[in-house]
């Protein structure tokens, strides 16, 4: 990606830099007969951030997410990647909160329960793998420090019978193949995430918990990409790319 792409150029609306808000996204992959399918939905046209775009379920971290006690914890590699270069004061509670935010937002937007049978049950976070992280460039109407988790849809307790329709926040919810997704109106970061996921799906498996995670953000006018989880990544300069 480049800073001159129309998606960036058309969104530089604010001269004052807004701090990014923590958020989390869940890339659910459903196997079975035929090609793997990924859950996607279209954002309503009235949204100020990415209207009409097809995205994965997800949203902003709430303070309450950090107070939820998991039934089963994150894989140690996933927890370590979440803590690496965390803005502000890193904490395991906030890392687990980001994972829970991805599950809560998926429930709220789709009616699907991940890692539990009832909404009030303690969530099982062990099936979540941190795959990507990206910070929205300055100047946009909304800015997020987004973590992209990948998970097997087999962890859904009600995969074919959602408890509700999501309330209209995400429209046209569908399980789609990569070929079907290619024709949709997607944000750049979603295109990039799917491109990185494809080699794993082509080999018939999901990324393992200790996979390298891509970390993308803007520095000046250059779109940067670092690696989280690769050899030497944890000794890299821990600069917070808030701007």
Protein backbone atom coordinates (compact mmCIF):
# COMPACT_ATOMS: atom_id res chain seq x y z
CA UNK A 1 0.00 0.00 0.00
CA UNK A 2 1.08 3.59 -0.57
CA UNK A 3 0.05 6.88 1.02
CA UNK A 4 -0.97 8.26 -2.40
CA UNK A 5 -3.68 5.63 -2.88
CA UNK A 6 -7.15 7.22 -3.36
CA UNK A 7 -8.44 5.54 -0.19
CA UNK A 8 -5.91 7.57 1.80
CA UNK A 9 -5.95 10.74 -0.30
CA UNK A 10 -9.73 11.04 -0.11
CA UNK A 11 -9.80 10.74 3.65
CA UNK A 12 -7.25 13.33 4.78
CA UNK A 13 -9.92 15.53 6.36
CA UNK A 14 -8.49 16.61 9.70
CA UNK A 15 -5.37 18.71 10.18
CA UNK A 16 -5.23 17.78 13.86
CA UNK A 17 -4.00 14.24 14.47
CA UNK A 18 -6.53 12.09 16.31
CA UNK A 19 -5.13 9.36 18.57
CA UNK A 20 -6.09 5.88 17.32
CA UNK A 21 -8.56 3.86 19.34
CA UNK A 22 -7.87 0.21 20.12
CA UNK A 23 -10.05 -2.17 18.11
CA UNK A 24 -10.19 -5.81 17.08
CA UNK A 25 -11.40 -7.78 14.07
CA UNK A 26 -12.17 -11.48 13.62
CA UNK A 27 -11.42 -13.32 10.38
CA UNK A 28 -13.52 -16.48 10.67
CA UNK A 29 -12.67 -19.29 8.24
CA UNK A 30 -15.13 -22.09 7.55
CA UNK A 31 -13.83 -25.33 6.03
CA UNK A 32 -15.71 -28.38 4.83
CA UNK A 33 -16.46 -29.39 1.27
CA UNK A 34 -15.12 -27.09 -1.42
CA UNK A 35 -13.04 -23.96 -0.97
CA UNK A 36 -12.70 -22.35 2.48
CA UNK A 37 -15.22 -19.58 3.20
CA UNK A 38 -14.75 -16.40 5.22
CA UNK A 39 -17.45 -14.43 7.02
CA UNK A 40 -17.92 -10.95 5.53
CA UNK A 41 -20.53 -8.22 5.87
CA UNK A 42 -21.17 -4.81 4.32
CA UNK A 43 -21.06 -1.67 6.44
CA UNK A 44 -24.19 0.48 6.18
CA UNK A 45 -24.00 3.51 3.89
CA UNK A 46 -24.69 5.86 6.78
CA UNK A 47 -21.45 5.02 8.57
CA UNK A 48 -18.88 7.81 8.69
CA UNK A 49 -16.03 5.28 8.55
CA UNK A 50 -15.77 3.04 5.48
CA UNK A 51 -19.44 3.20 4.42
CA UNK A 52 -20.62 0.43 2.07
CA UNK A 53 -17.33 -1.46 2.39
CA UNK A 54 -17.29 -5.21 2.98
CA UNK A 55 -15.38 -6.06 6.15
CA UNK A 56 -14.88 -8.73 8.81
CA UNK A 57 -16.85 -8.45 12.06
CA UNK A 58 -15.12 -6.25 14.61
CA UNK A 59 -15.07 -2.95 16.43
CA UNK A 60 -13.69 -0.78 19.19
CA UNK A 61 -12.31 -2.03 22.50
CA UNK A 62 -14.55 -1.27 25.48
CA UNK A 63 -13.16 -0.90 29.01
CA UNK A 64 -15.39 -3.78 30.12
CA UNK A 65 -13.65 -6.12 27.65
CA UNK A 66 -10.49 -5.91 29.76
CA UNK A 67 -12.33 -7.13 32.86
CA UNK A 68 -13.68 -10.35 31.34
CA UNK A 69 -12.06 -13.49 32.75
CA UNK A 70 -11.56 -16.09 30.00
CA UNK A 71 -12.55 -19.71 30.43
CA UNK A 72 -9.40 -20.62 28.50
CA UNK A 73 -6.59 -18.17 27.94
CA UNK A 74 -4.85 -17.01 24.79
CA UNK A 75 -2.02 -19.10 23.39
CA UNK A 76 1.25 -17.74 24.90
CA UNK A 77 2.52 -16.75 21.43
CA UNK A 78 -0.68 -14.78 20.72
CA UNK A 79 -0.45 -13.02 24.09
CA UNK A 80 3.20 -12.13 23.48
CA UNK A 81 2.43 -10.68 20.05
CA UNK A 82 -0.42 -8.57 21.46
CA UNK A 83 1.87 -7.15 24.15
CA UNK A 84 4.68 -6.32 21.72
CA UNK A 85 4.79 -2.55 21.03
CA UNK A 86 1.39 -2.03 22.65
CA UNK A 87 0.69 1.70 22.85
CA UNK A 88 0.59 3.14 26.36
CA UNK A 89 1.31 0.81 29.27
CA UNK A 90 1.24 -2.81 28.05
CA UNK A 91 -0.90 -5.18 30.09
CA UNK A 92 -2.08 -8.76 29.73
CA UNK A 93 -5.59 -7.64 30.73
CA UNK A 94 -5.70 -5.25 27.77
CA UNK A 95 -4.34 -7.94 25.44
CA UNK A 96 -7.08 -10.34 26.54
CA UNK A 97 -9.55 -7.47 26.27
CA UNK A 98 -8.68 -7.03 22.60
CA UNK A 99 -9.37 -10.72 21.98
CA UNK A 100 -12.66 -10.49 23.83
CA UNK A 101 -13.59 -7.34 21.89
CA UNK A 102 -13.27 -9.31 18.65
CA UNK A 103 -15.62 -11.99 20.02
CA UNK A 104 -18.07 -9.51 21.53
CA UNK A 105 -18.29 -7.44 18.35
CA UNK A 106 -18.81 -10.62 16.32
CA UNK A 107 -21.68 -11.57 18.62
CA UNK A 108 -23.21 -8.08 18.44
CA UNK A 109 -22.88 -7.81 14.64
CA UNK A 110 -23.73 -11.38 13.62
CA UNK A 111 -25.41 -13.24 16.49
CA UNK A 112 -22.64 -15.87 16.40
CA UNK A 113 -21.00 -17.14 19.59
CA UNK A 114 -17.32 -18.06 19.53
CA UNK A 115 -15.85 -20.36 22.16
CA UNK A 116 -18.97 -20.53 24.33
CA UNK A 117 -22.53 -21.78 24.23
CA UNK A 118 -24.23 -18.78 25.85
CA UNK A 119 -23.38 -15.04 25.83
CA UNK A 120 -22.88 -15.09 29.62
CA UNK A 121 -20.34 -17.96 29.54
CA UNK A 122 -16.63 -17.26 30.03
CA UNK A 123 -15.07 -17.06 26.57
CA UNK A 124 -12.49 -19.52 25.27
CA UNK A 125 -9.72 -17.38 23.76
CA UNK A 126 -7.35 -20.23 22.93
CA UNK A 127 -8.52 -20.54 19.32
CA UNK A 128 -7.57 -16.98 18.35
CA UNK A 129 -4.37 -16.21 16.44
CA UNK A 130 -3.07 -12.66 16.00
CA UNK A 131 -2.42 -12.36 12.27
CA UNK A 132 -2.12 -8.63 11.57
CA UNK A 133 -2.12 -5.20 13.19
CA UNK A 134 -2.73 -1.91 11.40
CA UNK A 135 -3.10 1.72 12.48
CA UNK A 136 -5.39 3.98 10.45
CA UNK A 137 -3.42 6.89 8.91
CA UNK A 138 -3.83 10.39 10.41
CA UNK A 139 -6.47 12.67 8.95
CA UNK A 140 -9.27 10.15 8.59
CA UNK A 141 -12.72 10.58 10.11
CA UNK A 142 -11.95 7.70 12.52
CA UNK A 143 -8.62 6.18 13.55
CA UNK A 144 -8.11 2.70 14.95
CA UNK A 145 -5.23 0.57 16.12
CA UNK A 146 -6.75 -2.65 14.82
CA UNK A 147 -5.73 -6.20 15.64
CA UNK A 148 -6.78 -8.85 13.13
CA UNK A 149 -7.40 -12.28 14.64
CA UNK A 150 -7.83 -15.45 12.58
CA UNK A 151 -9.89 -18.37 13.86
CA UNK A 152 -11.55 -21.58 12.73
CA UNK A 153 -15.34 -21.26 12.47
CA UNK A 154 -15.57 -24.68 14.14
CA UNK A 155 -15.22 -22.72 17.40
CA UNK A 156 -18.67 -21.21 16.80
CA UNK A 157 -21.35 -22.94 18.87
CA UNK A 158 -24.21 -21.79 16.62
CA UNK A 159 -22.63 -21.48 13.19
CA UNK A 160 -25.84 -22.19 11.26
CA UNK A 161 -28.31 -20.65 13.70
CA UNK A 162 -27.32 -17.12 14.79
CA UNK A 163 -29.18 -15.89 17.86
CA UNK A 164 -30.04 -12.58 16.16
CA UNK A 165 -29.50 -10.73 12.87
CA UNK A 166 -26.87 -8.29 14.12
CA UNK A 167 -29.17 -5.28 14.26
CA UNK A 168 -28.18 -3.99 10.83
CA UNK A 169 -24.65 -2.83 11.68
CA UNK A 170 -23.26 -5.30 9.15
CA UNK A 171 -25.48 -6.05 6.17
CA UNK A 172 -25.42 -8.94 3.68
CA UNK A 173 -23.59 -11.27 6.05
CA UNK A 174 -22.28 -14.24 4.06
CA UNK A 175 -19.70 -17.02 4.10
CA UNK A 176 -17.71 -16.34 0.91
CA UNK A 177 -14.80 -17.90 -0.95
CA UNK A 178 -11.77 -15.80 -1.81
CA UNK A 179 -12.91 -15.75 -5.44
CA UNK A 180 -16.33 -14.41 -4.42
CA UNK A 181 -14.76 -11.80 -2.13
CA UNK A 182 -12.50 -10.55 -4.92
CA UNK A 183 -15.43 -8.81 -6.65
CA UNK A 184 -16.54 -6.88 -3.53
CA UNK A 185 -15.79 -3.30 -2.49
CA UNK A 186 -13.11 -3.85 0.15
CA UNK A 187 -10.89 -1.55 2.24
CA UNK A 188 -7.21 -1.72 1.34
CA UNK A 189 -6.26 -3.30 4.64
CA UNK A 190 -8.88 -6.02 4.17
CA UNK A 191 -7.49 -6.80 0.71
CA UNK A 192 -4.03 -7.03 2.22
CA UNK A 193 -5.18 -9.30 5.06
CA UNK A 194 -6.87 -11.70 2.63
CA UNK A 195 -3.83 -11.73 0.36
CA UNK A 196 -1.67 -12.77 3.32
CA UNK A 197 -4.16 -15.40 4.45
CA UNK A 198 -4.48 -17.05 1.02
CA UNK A 199 -1.17 -19.01 1.08
CA UNK A 200 -2.22 -20.68 4.35
CA UNK A 201 -5.65 -21.58 2.97
CA UNK A 202 -4.05 -22.90 -0.23
CA UNK A 203 -2.01 -25.27 1.96
CA UNK A 204 -5.15 -26.39 3.77
CA UNK A 205 -4.62 -24.88 7.21
CA UNK A 206 -4.87 -21.66 9.19
CA UNK A 207 -1.90 -19.63 10.45
CA UNK A 208 -0.45 -21.16 13.65
CA UNK A 209 -0.44 -19.12 16.88
CA UNK A 210 3.30 -18.43 16.57
CA UNK A 211 3.05 -17.14 12.98
CA UNK A 212 4.66 -13.81 12.13
CA UNK A 213 2.12 -10.98 12.29
CA UNK A 214 2.32 -7.99 9.96
CA UNK A 215 2.24 -4.58 11.71
CA UNK A 216 1.41 -1.67 9.36
CA UNK A 217 1.25 2.07 10.00
CA UNK A 218 2.11 5.43 8.46
CA UNK A 219 5.30 7.29 9.35
CA UNK A 220 5.49 10.67 7.69
CA UNK A 221 4.30 9.88 4.17
CA UNK A 222 5.70 6.36 4.09
CA UNK A 223 3.58 3.28 4.75
CA UNK A 224 5.63 1.09 7.06
CA UNK A 225 5.47 -2.64 7.73
CA UNK A 226 7.17 -4.38 10.63
CA UNK A 227 6.98 -8.00 11.70
CA UNK A 228 5.77 -9.16 15.09
CA UNK A 229 6.93 -12.60 16.13
CA UNK A 230 9.81 -13.00 13.70
CA UNK A 231 13.40 -13.52 14.92
CA UNK A 232 14.72 -10.24 16.27
CA UNK A 233 11.34 -8.51 16.27
CA UNK A 234 11.19 -8.24 20.06
CA UNK A 235 14.55 -6.49 20.20
CA UNK A 236 13.54 -3.87 17.63
CA UNK A 237 13.17 -0.24 18.64
CA UNK A 238 9.88 0.01 20.53
CA UNK A 239 8.67 3.24 19.00
CA UNK A 240 4.91 3.77 19.19
CA UNK A 241 3.77 4.88 15.69
CA UNK A 242 0.84 6.92 17.07
CA UNK A 243 1.11 9.53 14.34
